[in-house]
PDB file of N, CA and C in Angstrom:
ATOM      1  N   MET A   1      13.647 -45.417  60.909  1.00  0.00           N
ATOM      2  CA  MET A   1      12.449 -44.628  60.801  1.00  0.00           C
ATOM      3  C   MET A   1      11.980 -44.253  62.198  1.00  0.00           C
ATOM      4  N   ALA A   2      11.653 -42.992  62.418  1.00  0.00           N
ATOM      5  CA  ALA A   2      11.171 -42.523  63.717  1.00  0.00           C
ATOM      6  C   ALA A   2       9.820 -43.148  64.031  1.00  0.00           C
ATOM      7  N   VAL A   3       9.622 -43.446  65.327  1.00  0.00           N
ATOM      8  CA  VAL A   3       8.387 -44.093  65.771  1.00  0.00           C
ATOM      9  C   VAL A   3       7.808 -43.365  66.973  1.00  0.00           C
ATOM     10  N   VAL A   4       6.494 -43.548  67.133  1.00  0.00           N
ATOM     11  CA  VAL A   4       5.780 -43.067  68.307  1.00  0.00           C
ATOM     12  C   VAL A   4       5.448 -44.283  69.158  1.00  0.00           C
ATOM     13  N   LEU A   5       5.831 -44.239  70.410  1.00  0.00           N
ATOM     14  CA  LEU A   5       5.477 -45.267  71.376  1.00  0.00           C
ATOM     15  C   LEU A   5       4.298 -44.750  72.182  1.00  0.00           C
ATOM     16  N   SER A   6       3.200 -45.483  72.174  1.00  0.00           N
ATOM     17  CA  SER A   6       2.042 -45.184  73.013  1.00  0.00           C
ATOM     18  C   SER A   6       1.942 -46.303  74.035  1.00  0.00           C
ATOM     19  N   MET A   7       1.967 -45.929  75.318  1.00  0.00           N
ATOM     20  CA  MET A   7       1.991 -46.948  76.362  1.00  0.00           C
ATOM     21  C   MET A   7       1.021 -46.595  77.475  1.00  0.00           C
ATOM     22  N   THR A   8       0.313 -47.595  77.958  1.00  0.00           N
ATOM     23  CA  THR A   8      -0.530 -47.489  79.143  1.00  0.00           C
ATOM     24  C   THR A   8      -0.118 -48.607  80.080  1.00  0.00           C
ATOM     25  N   TRP A   9       0.160 -48.245  81.333  1.00  0.00           N
ATOM     26  CA  TRP A   9       0.604 -49.245  82.302  1.00  0.00           C
ATOM     27  C   TRP A   9      -0.273 -49.132  83.545  1.00  0.00           C
ATOM     28  N   PRO A  10      -1.322 -49.965  83.629  1.00  0.00           N
ATOM     29  CA  PRO A  10      -2.223 -49.927  84.783  1.00  0.00           C
ATOM     30  C   PRO A  10      -1.495 -50.223  86.088  1.00  0.00           C
ATOM     31  N   GLY A  11      -1.901 -49.518  87.135  1.00  0.00           N
ATOM     32  CA  GLY A  11      -1.377 -49.772  88.469  1.00  0.00           C
ATOM     33  C   GLY A  11      -0.112 -49.034  88.832  1.00  0.00           C
ATOM     34  N   VAL A  12       0.561 -48.417  87.875  1.00  0.00           N
ATOM     35  CA  VAL A  12       1.779 -47.654  88.189  1.00  0.00           C
ATOM     36  C   VAL A  12       1.366 -46.342  88.849  1.00  0.00           C
ATOM     37  N   THR A  13       2.023 -46.009  89.954  1.00  0.00           N
ATOM     38  CA  THR A  13       1.707 -44.788  90.696  1.00  0.00           C
ATOM     39  C   THR A  13       2.670 -43.664  90.319  1.00  0.00           C
ATOM     40  N   PRO A  14       2.273 -42.428  90.584  1.00  0.00           N
ATOM     41  CA  PRO A  14       3.203 -41.319  90.349  1.00  0.00           C
ATOM     42  C   PRO A  14       4.509 -41.485  91.132  1.00  0.00           C
ATOM     43  N   GLN A  15       4.439 -42.021  92.343  1.00  0.00           N
ATOM     44  CA  GLN A  15       5.647 -42.219  93.144  1.00  0.00           C
ATOM     45  C   GLN A  15       6.577 -43.240  92.473  1.00  0.00           C
ATOM     46  N   GLN A  16       6.014 -44.318  91.937  1.00  0.00           N
ATOM     47  CA  GLN A  16       6.842 -45.309  91.240  1.00  0.00           C
ATOM     48  C   GLN A  16       7.475 -44.701  89.992  1.00  0.00           C
ATOM     49  N   TYR A  17       6.702 -43.923  89.248  1.00  0.00           N
ATOM     50  CA  TYR A  17       7.254 -43.265  88.060  1.00  0.00           C
ATOM     51  C   TYR A  17       8.430 -42.368  88.448  1.00  0.00           C
ATOM     52  N   GLU A  18       8.269 -41.580  89.519  1.00  0.00           N
ATOM     53  CA  GLU A  18       9.334 -40.680  89.951  1.00  0.00           C
ATOM     54  C   GLU A  18      10.562 -41.462  90.417  1.00  0.00           C
ATOM     55  N   THR A  19      10.350 -42.599  91.064  1.00  0.00           N
ATOM     56  CA  THR A  19      11.477 -43.443  91.463  1.00  0.00           C
ATOM     57  C   THR A  19      12.250 -43.910  90.239  1.00  0.00           C
ATOM     58  N   VAL A  20      11.537 -44.389  89.232  1.00  0.00           N
ATOM     59  CA  VAL A  20      12.187 -44.848  88.002  1.00  0.00           C
ATOM     60  C   VAL A  20      12.910 -43.690  87.321  1.00  0.00           C
ATOM     61  N   ARG A  21      12.254 -42.546  87.254  1.00  0.00           N
ATOM     62  CA  ARG A  21      12.857 -41.377  86.603  1.00  0.00           C
ATOM     63  C   ARG A  21      14.177 -41.002  87.281  1.00  0.00           C
ATOM     64  N   GLN A  22      14.186 -41.026  88.608  1.00  0.00           N
ATOM     65  CA  GLN A  22      15.404 -40.673  89.343  1.00  0.00           C
ATOM     66  C   GLN A  22      16.495 -41.735  89.171  1.00  0.00           C
ATOM     67  N   LEU A  23      16.112 -43.007  89.199  1.00  0.00           N
ATOM     68  CA  LEU A  23      17.105 -44.081  89.050  1.00  0.00           C
ATOM     69  C   LEU A  23      17.750 -44.070  87.666  1.00  0.00           C
ATOM     70  N   VAL A  24      16.935 -43.879  86.641  1.00  0.00           N
ATOM     71  CA  VAL A  24      17.445 -43.938  85.266  1.00  0.00           C
ATOM     72  C   VAL A  24      18.073 -42.614  84.843  1.00  0.00           C
ATOM     73  N   ASP A  25      17.546 -41.504  85.358  1.00  0.00           N
ATOM     74  CA  ASP A  25      18.069 -40.156  85.083  1.00  0.00           C
ATOM     75  C   ASP A  25      18.134 -39.855  83.586  1.00  0.00           C
ATOM     76  N   TRP A  26      17.041 -40.182  82.878  1.00  0.00           N
ATOM     77  CA  TRP A  26      17.038 -40.011  81.416  1.00  0.00           C
ATOM     78  C   TRP A  26      17.064 -38.554  80.984  1.00  0.00           C
ATOM     79  N   GLU A  27      16.725 -37.633  81.894  1.00  0.00           N
ATOM     80  CA  GLU A  27      16.754 -36.219  81.511  1.00  0.00           C
ATOM     81  C   GLU A  27      18.180 -35.677  81.449  1.00  0.00           C
ATOM     82  N   GLN A  28      19.063 -36.194  82.292  1.00  0.00           N
ATOM     83  CA  GLN A  28      20.463 -35.761  82.278  1.00  0.00           C
ATOM     84  C   GLN A  28      21.333 -36.683  81.435  1.00  0.00           C
ATOM     85  N   ASP A  29      21.057 -37.975  81.514  1.00  0.00           N
ATOM     86  CA  ASP A  29      21.812 -38.984  80.758  1.00  0.00           C
ATOM     87  C   ASP A  29      20.880 -39.534  79.678  1.00  0.00           C
ATOM     88  N   GLN A  30      20.674 -38.724  78.662  1.00  0.00           N
ATOM     89  CA  GLN A  30      19.659 -39.019  77.656  1.00  0.00           C
ATOM     90  C   GLN A  30      19.993 -40.271  76.863  1.00  0.00           C
ATOM     91  N   PRO A  31      18.997 -41.145  76.712  1.00  0.00           N
ATOM     92  CA  PRO A  31      19.234 -42.375  75.950  1.00  0.00           C
ATOM     93  C   PRO A  31      19.418 -42.092  74.464  1.00  0.00           C
ATOM     94  N   ASP A  32      20.268 -42.856  73.825  1.00  0.00           N
ATOM     95  CA  ASP A  32      20.465 -42.727  72.381  1.00  0.00           C
ATOM     96  C   ASP A  32      19.144 -42.976  71.661  1.00  0.00           C
ATOM     97  N   GLY A  33      18.793 -42.082  70.763  1.00  0.00           N
ATOM     98  CA  GLY A  33      17.591 -42.245  69.957  1.00  0.00           C
ATOM     99  C   GLY A  33      16.328 -41.647  70.541  1.00  0.00           C
ATOM    100  N   ALA A  34      16.375 -41.185  71.784  1.00  0.00           N
ATOM    101  CA  ALA A  34      15.191 -40.569  72.395  1.00  0.00           C
ATOM    102  C   ALA A  34      14.988 -39.168  71.831  1.00  0.00           C
ATOM    103  N   VAL A  35      13.743 -38.840  71.499  1.00  0.00           N
ATOM    104  CA  VAL A  35      13.414 -37.528  70.953  1.00  0.00           C
ATOM    105  C   VAL A  35      12.477 -36.765  71.887  1.00  0.00           C
ATOM    106  N   LEU A  36      11.467 -37.451  72.418  1.00  0.00           N
ATOM    107  CA  LEU A  36      10.421 -36.784  73.204  1.00  0.00           C
ATOM    108  C   LEU A  36       9.817 -37.777  74.175  1.00  0.00           C
ATOM    109  N   HIS A  37       9.500 -37.311  75.384  1.00  0.00           N
ATOM    110  CA  HIS A  37       8.824 -38.149  76.387  1.00  0.00           C
ATOM    111  C   HIS A  37       7.758 -37.293  77.060  1.00  0.00           C
ATOM    112  N   VAL A  38       6.531 -37.809  77.082  1.00  0.00           N
ATOM    113  CA  VAL A  38       5.420 -37.164  77.778  1.00  0.00           C
ATOM    114  C   VAL A  38       4.747 -38.225  78.628  1.00  0.00           C
ATOM    115  N   ALA A  39       4.500 -37.925  79.909  1.00  0.00           N
ATOM    116  CA  ALA A  39       3.867 -38.893  80.807  1.00  0.00           C
ATOM    117  C   ALA A  39       2.778 -38.214  81.613  1.00  0.00           C
ATOM    118  N   TRP A  40       1.698 -38.976  81.883  1.00  0.00           N
ATOM    119  CA  TRP A  40       0.610 -38.483  82.715  1.00  0.00           C
ATOM    120  C   TRP A  40      -0.118 -39.658  83.332  1.00  0.00           C
ATOM    121  N   PHE A  41      -0.958 -39.357  84.333  1.00  0.00           N
ATOM    122  CA  PHE A  41      -1.725 -40.377  85.026  1.00  0.00           C
ATOM    123  C   PHE A  41      -3.207 -40.093  84.866  1.00  0.00           C
ATOM    124  N   ASP A  42      -3.945 -41.160  84.553  1.00  0.00           N
ATOM    125  CA  ASP A  42      -5.389 -41.056  84.396  1.00  0.00           C
ATOM    126  C   ASP A  42      -5.973 -42.460  84.538  1.00  0.00           C
ATOM    127  N   GLY A  43      -7.084 -42.563  85.230  1.00  0.00           N
ATOM    128  CA  GLY A  43      -7.764 -43.848  85.345  1.00  0.00           C
ATOM    129  C   GLY A  43      -6.948 -44.933  86.002  1.00  0.00           C
ATOM    130  N   GLY A  44      -6.093 -44.572  86.957  1.00  0.00           N
ATOM    131  CA  GLY A  44      -5.296 -45.565  87.672  1.00  0.00           C
ATOM    132  C   GLY A  44      -4.160 -46.154  86.860  1.00  0.00           C
ATOM    133  N   ALA A  45      -3.732 -45.442  85.829  1.00  0.00           N
ATOM    134  CA  ALA A  45      -2.662 -45.958  84.972  1.00  0.00           C
ATOM    135  C   ALA A  45      -1.693 -44.840  84.591  1.00  0.00           C
ATOM    136  N   LEU A  46      -0.461 -45.252  84.336  1.00  0.00           N
ATOM    137  CA  LEU A  46       0.537 -44.373  83.732  1.00  0.00           C
ATOM    138  C   LEU A  46       0.328 -44.408  82.230  1.00  0.00           C
ATOM    139  N   HIS A  47       0.315 -43.238  81.615  1.00  0.00           N
ATOM    140  CA  HIS A  47       0.218 -43.123  80.158  1.00  0.00           C
ATOM    141  C   HIS A  47       1.482 -42.416  79.669  1.00  0.00           C
ATOM    142  N   VAL A  48       2.063 -42.935  78.605  1.00  0.00           N
ATOM    143  CA  VAL A  48       3.295 -42.367  78.051  1.00  0.00           C
ATOM    144  C   VAL A  48       3.164 -42.258  76.541  1.00  0.00           C
ATOM    145  N   THR A  49       3.623 -41.141  76.020  1.00  0.00           N
ATOM    146  CA  THR A  49       3.827 -40.989  74.585  1.00  0.00           C
ATOM    147  C   THR A  49       5.283 -40.590  74.398  1.00  0.00           C
ATOM    148  N   ASP A  50       6.007 -41.391  73.648  1.00  0.00           N
ATOM    149  CA  ASP A  50       7.412 -41.120  73.354  1.00  0.00           C
ATOM    150  C   ASP A  50       7.597 -41.043  71.848  1.00  0.00           C
ATOM    151  N   VAL A  51       8.621 -40.321  71.438  1.00  0.00           N
ATOM    152  CA  VAL A  51       9.106 -40.382  70.066  1.00  0.00           C
ATOM    153  C   VAL A  51      10.554 -40.840  70.139  1.00  0.00           C
ATOM    154  N   TRP A  52      10.872 -41.849  69.325  1.00  0.00           N
ATOM    155  CA  TRP A  52      12.214 -42.422  69.248  1.00  0.00           C
ATOM    156  C   TRP A  52      12.662 -42.436  67.800  1.00  0.00           C
ATOM    157  N   ASN A  53      13.955 -42.335  67.570  1.00  0.00           N
ATOM    158  CA  ASN A  53      14.470 -42.405  66.202  1.00  0.00           C
ATOM    159  C   ASN A  53      14.180 -43.754  65.569  1.00  0.00           C
ATOM    160  N   ALA A  54      14.110 -44.806  66.388  1.00  0.00           N
ATOM    161  CA  ALA A  54      13.805 -46.155  65.898  1.00  0.00           C
ATOM    162  C   ALA A  54      13.284 -46.979  67.071  1.00  0.00           C
ATOM    163  N   GLN A  55      12.443 -47.949  66.791  1.00  0.00           N
ATOM    164  CA  GLN A  55      11.932 -48.835  67.831  1.00  0.00           C
ATOM    165  C   GLN A  55      13.078 -49.547  68.538  1.00  0.00           C
ATOM    166  N   SER A  56      14.095 -49.910  67.795  1.00  0.00           N
ATOM    167  CA  SER A  56      15.244 -50.608  68.394  1.00  0.00           C
ATOM    168  C   SER A  56      15.964 -49.733  69.425  1.00  0.00           C
ATOM    169  N   ASP A  57      15.923 -48.400  69.265  1.00  0.00           N
ATOM    170  CA  ASP A  57      16.528 -47.510  70.262  1.00  0.00           C
ATOM    171  C   ASP A  57      15.816 -47.651  71.600  1.00  0.00           C
ATOM    172  N   PHE A  58      14.473 -47.660  71.562  1.00  0.00           N
ATOM    173  CA  PHE A  58      13.720 -47.836  72.807  1.00  0.00           C
ATOM    174  C   PHE A  58      13.985 -49.216  73.394  1.00  0.00           C
ATOM    175  N   GLU A  59      13.964 -50.240  72.584  1.00  0.00           N
ATOM    176  CA  GLU A  59      14.162 -51.601  73.078  1.00  0.00           C
ATOM    177  C   GLU A  59      15.523 -51.748  73.750  1.00  0.00           C
ATOM    178  N   ARG A  60      16.542 -51.133  73.192  1.00  0.00           N
ATOM    179  CA  ARG A  60      17.883 -51.161  73.787  1.00  0.00           C
ATOM    180  C   ARG A  60      17.886 -50.410  75.124  1.00  0.00           C
ATOM    181  N   PHE A  61      17.233 -49.251  75.173  1.00  0.00           N
ATOM    182  CA  PHE A  61      17.133 -48.468  76.405  1.00  0.00           C
ATOM    183  C   PHE A  61      16.386 -49.255  77.478  1.00  0.00           C
ATOM    184  N   PHE A  62      15.287 -49.901  77.087  1.00  0.00           N
ATOM    185  CA  PHE A  62      14.509 -50.655  78.054  1.00  0.00           C
ATOM    186  C   PHE A  62      15.343 -51.797  78.642  1.00  0.00           C
ATOM    187  N   ALA A  63      15.976 -52.562  77.787  1.00  0.00           N
ATOM    188  CA  ALA A  63      16.754 -53.716  78.249  1.00  0.00           C
ATOM    189  C   ALA A  63      17.963 -53.292  79.084  1.00  0.00           C
ATOM    190  N   GLY A  64      18.632 -52.232  78.673  1.00  0.00           N
ATOM    191  CA  GLY A  64      19.881 -51.839  79.313  1.00  0.00           C
ATOM    192  C   GLY A  64      19.743 -50.969  80.536  1.00  0.00           C
ATOM    193  N   ARG A  65      18.670 -50.187  80.618  1.00  0.00           N
ATOM    194  CA  ARG A  65      18.566 -49.222  81.723  1.00  0.00           C
ATOM    195  C   ARG A  65      17.212 -49.211  82.423  1.00  0.00           C
ATOM    196  N   LEU A  66      16.152 -49.293  81.671  1.00  0.00           N
ATOM    197  CA  LEU A  66      14.828 -49.075  82.248  1.00  0.00           C
ATOM    198  C   LEU A  66      14.293 -50.286  83.008  1.00  0.00           C
ATOM    199  N   ALA A  67      14.491 -51.483  82.496  1.00  0.00           N
ATOM    200  CA  ALA A  67      13.904 -52.681  83.102  1.00  0.00           C
ATOM    201  C   ALA A  67      14.330 -52.862  84.561  1.00  0.00           C
ATOM    202  N   GLY A  68      15.590 -52.666  84.849  1.00  0.00           N
ATOM    203  CA  GLY A  68      16.069 -52.816  86.224  1.00  0.00           C
ATOM    204  C   GLY A  68      15.449 -51.816  87.173  1.00  0.00           C
ATOM    205  N   ALA A  69      15.298 -50.585  86.713  1.00  0.00           N
ATOM    206  CA  ALA A  69      14.693 -49.552  87.552  1.00  0.00           C
ATOM    207  C   ALA A  69      13.210 -49.821  87.785  1.00  0.00           C
ATOM    208  N   VAL A  70      12.531 -50.337  86.769  1.00  0.00           N
ATOM    209  CA  VAL A  70      11.111 -50.696  86.905  1.00  0.00           C
ATOM    210  C   VAL A  70      10.968 -51.750  88.001  1.00  0.00           C
ATOM    211  N   LYS A  71      11.827 -52.742  87.968  1.00  0.00           N
ATOM    212  CA  LYS A  71      11.791 -53.798  88.985  1.00  0.00           C
ATOM    213  C   LYS A  71      12.090 -53.224  90.367  1.00  0.00           C
ATOM    214  N   GLU A  72      13.111 -52.383  90.447  1.00  0.00           N
ATOM    215  CA  GLU A  72      13.497 -51.790  91.732  1.00  0.00           C
ATOM    216  C   GLU A  72      12.389 -50.928  92.319  1.00  0.00           C
ATOM    217  N   ALA A  73      11.596 -50.283  91.470  1.00  0.00           N
ATOM    218  CA  ALA A  73      10.492 -49.435  91.928  1.00  0.00           C
ATOM    219  C   ALA A  73       9.268 -50.250  92.331  1.00  0.00           C
ATOM    220  N   GLY A  74       9.318 -51.572  92.124  1.00  0.00           N
ATOM    221  CA  GLY A  74       8.206 -52.426  92.514  1.00  0.00           C
ATOM    222  C   GLY A  74       7.047 -52.433  91.532  1.00  0.00           C
ATOM    223  N   ILE A  75       7.304 -52.036  90.310  1.00  0.00           N
ATOM    224  CA  ILE A  75       6.250 -52.026  89.287  1.00  0.00           C
ATOM    225  C   ILE A  75       6.072 -53.445  88.778  1.00  0.00           C
ATOM    226  N   THR A  76       4.818 -53.872  88.737  1.00  0.00           N
ATOM    227  CA  THR A  76       4.507 -55.228  88.282  1.00  0.00           C
ATOM    228  C   THR A  76       3.602 -55.160  87.058  1.00  0.00           C
ATOM    229  N   GLY A  77       3.369 -56.310  86.474  1.00  0.00           N
ATOM    230  CA  GLY A  77       2.518 -56.374  85.298  1.00  0.00           C
ATOM    231  C   GLY A  77       3.269 -55.930  84.059  1.00  0.00           C
ATOM    232  N   GLU A  78       2.524 -55.822  82.999  1.00  0.00           N
ATOM    233  CA  GLU A  78       3.095 -55.437  81.711  1.00  0.00           C
ATOM    234  C   GLU A  78       2.319 -54.256  81.143  1.00  0.00           C
ATOM    235  N   PRO A  79       3.003 -53.349  80.477  1.00  0.00           N
ATOM    236  CA  PRO A  79       2.291 -52.239  79.836  1.00  0.00           C
ATOM    237  C   PRO A  79       1.620 -52.697  78.548  1.00  0.00           C
ATOM    238  N   GLN A  80       0.618 -51.951  78.160  1.00  0.00           N
ATOM    239  CA  GLN A  80       0.024 -52.110  76.826  1.00  0.00           C
ATOM    240  C   GLN A  80       0.741 -51.089  75.949  1.00  0.00           C
ATOM    241  N   SER A  81       1.484 -51.568  74.969  1.00  0.00           N
ATOM    242  CA  SER A  81       2.330 -50.682  74.162  1.00  0.00           C
ATOM    243  C   SER A  81       2.116 -50.915  72.678  1.00  0.00           C
ATOM    244  N   THR A  82       2.187 -49.819  71.932  1.00  0.00           N
ATOM    245  CA  THR A  82       2.178 -49.909  70.482  1.00  0.00           C
ATOM    246  C   THR A  82       3.222 -48.950  69.935  1.00  0.00           C
ATOM    247  N   PHE A  83       3.819 -49.344  68.823  1.00  0.00           N
ATOM    248  CA  PHE A  83       4.735 -48.482  68.082  1.00  0.00           C
ATOM    249  C   PHE A  83       4.084 -48.175  66.747  1.00  0.00           C
ATOM    250  N   SER A  84       4.135 -46.914  66.356  1.00  0.00           N
ATOM    251  CA  SER A  84       3.582 -46.485  65.073  1.00  0.00           C
ATOM    252  C   SER A  84       4.608 -45.604  64.377  1.00  0.00           C
ATOM    253  N   PRO A  85       4.664 -45.664  63.050  1.00  0.00           N
ATOM    254  CA  PRO A  85       5.580 -44.781  62.331  1.00  0.00           C
ATOM    255  C   PRO A  85       5.200 -43.316  62.560  1.00  0.00           C
ATOM    256  N   LEU A  86       6.182 -42.498  62.779  1.00  0.00           N
ATOM    257  CA  LEU A  86       5.939 -41.067  62.961  1.00  0.00           C
ATOM    258  C   LEU A  86       5.683 -40.423  61.600  1.00  0.00           C
ATOM    259  N   GLN A  87       4.572 -39.747  61.482  1.00  0.00           N
ATOM    260  CA  GLN A  87       4.261 -39.037  60.244  1.00  0.00           C
ATOM    261  C   GLN A  87       4.909 -37.656  60.234  1.00  0.00           C
ATOM    262  N   ARG A  88       4.721 -36.921  61.327  1.00  0.00           N
ATOM    263  CA  ARG A  88       5.247 -35.558  61.407  1.00  0.00           C
ATOM    264  C   ARG A  88       5.344 -35.176  62.863  1.00  0.00           C
ATOM    265  N   ARG A  89       6.288 -34.303  63.156  1.00  0.00           N
ATOM    266  CA  ARG A  89       6.450 -33.798  64.512  1.00  0.00           C
ATOM    267  C   ARG A  89       6.525 -32.287  64.440  1.00  0.00           C
ATOM    268  N   PHE A  90       5.895 -31.627  65.393  1.00  0.00           N
ATOM    269  CA  PHE A  90       5.891 -30.172  65.486  1.00  0.00           C
ATOM    270  C   PHE A  90       6.243 -29.804  66.922  1.00  0.00           C
ATOM    271  N   VAL A  91       7.173 -28.895  67.090  1.00  0.00           N
ATOM    272  CA  VAL A  91       7.528 -28.386  68.398  1.00  0.00           C
ATOM    273  C   VAL A  91       7.400 -26.869  68.321  1.00  0.00           C
ATOM    274  N   ALA A  92       6.547 -26.319  69.161  1.00  0.00           N
ATOM    275  CA  ALA A  92       6.313 -24.870  69.145  1.00  0.00           C
ATOM    276  C   ALA A  92       7.595 -24.122  69.477  1.00  0.00           C
ATOM    277  N   SER A  93       7.782 -22.969  68.857  1.00  0.00           N
ATOM    278  CA  SER A  93       8.976 -22.181  69.114  1.00  0.00           C
ATOM    279  C   SER A  93       9.019 -21.785  70.579  1.00  0.00           C
ATOM    280  N   GLY A  94      10.204 -21.814  71.145  1.00  0.00           N
ATOM    281  CA  GLY A  94      10.399 -21.460  72.534  1.00  0.00           C
ATOM    282  C   GLY A  94      10.208 -22.610  73.505  1.00  0.00           C
ATOM    283  N   VAL A  95       9.792 -23.757  73.045  1.00  0.00           N
ATOM    284  CA  VAL A  95       9.590 -24.916  73.918  1.00  0.00           C
ATOM    285  C   VAL A  95      10.908 -25.657  74.041  1.00  0.00           C
ATOM    286  N   SER A  96      11.301 -25.926  75.281  1.00  0.00           N
ATOM    287  CA  SER A  96      12.503 -26.719  75.523  1.00  0.00           C
ATOM    288  C   SER A  96      12.447 -27.272  76.933  1.00  0.00           C
ATOM    289  N   GLY A  97      13.292 -28.253  77.187  1.00  0.00           N
ATOM    290  CA  GLY A  97      13.456 -28.777  78.537  1.00  0.00           C
ATOM    291  C   GLY A  97      12.285 -29.567  79.067  1.00  0.00           C
ATOM    292  N   GLY A  98      12.373 -29.902  80.349  1.00  0.00           N
ATOM    293  CA  GLY A  98      11.357 -30.701  81.028  1.00  0.00           C
ATOM    294  C   GLY A  98      10.208 -29.861  81.541  1.00  0.00           C
ATOM    295  N   ALA A  99       9.376 -30.523  82.305  1.00  0.00           N
ATOM    296  CA  ALA A  99       8.169 -29.895  82.844  1.00  0.00           C
ATOM    297  C   ALA A  99       8.536 -28.729  83.710  1.00  0.00           C
TER     298      ALA A  99
END
């Protein structure tokens, strides 16, 4: 079942996020089960909304690829994360690719 991951990670900087993004290269080497990733910064925290085909897909990606890059980027602490079942997804026509 597809899930929505909502995550807030206090203290993560845009530079750390970019370091992780470059190390993991998820835009070119897309993780199995990833559908959508949106990230922004507000209130001194990284905020992420992801859609995954299954929670286990994200957990496998985190353990196998993301955790090491997070450590290498010097990110500490733990994110506040929740997974919720996806009810519906809409993508406007003509939308594709990254930012």
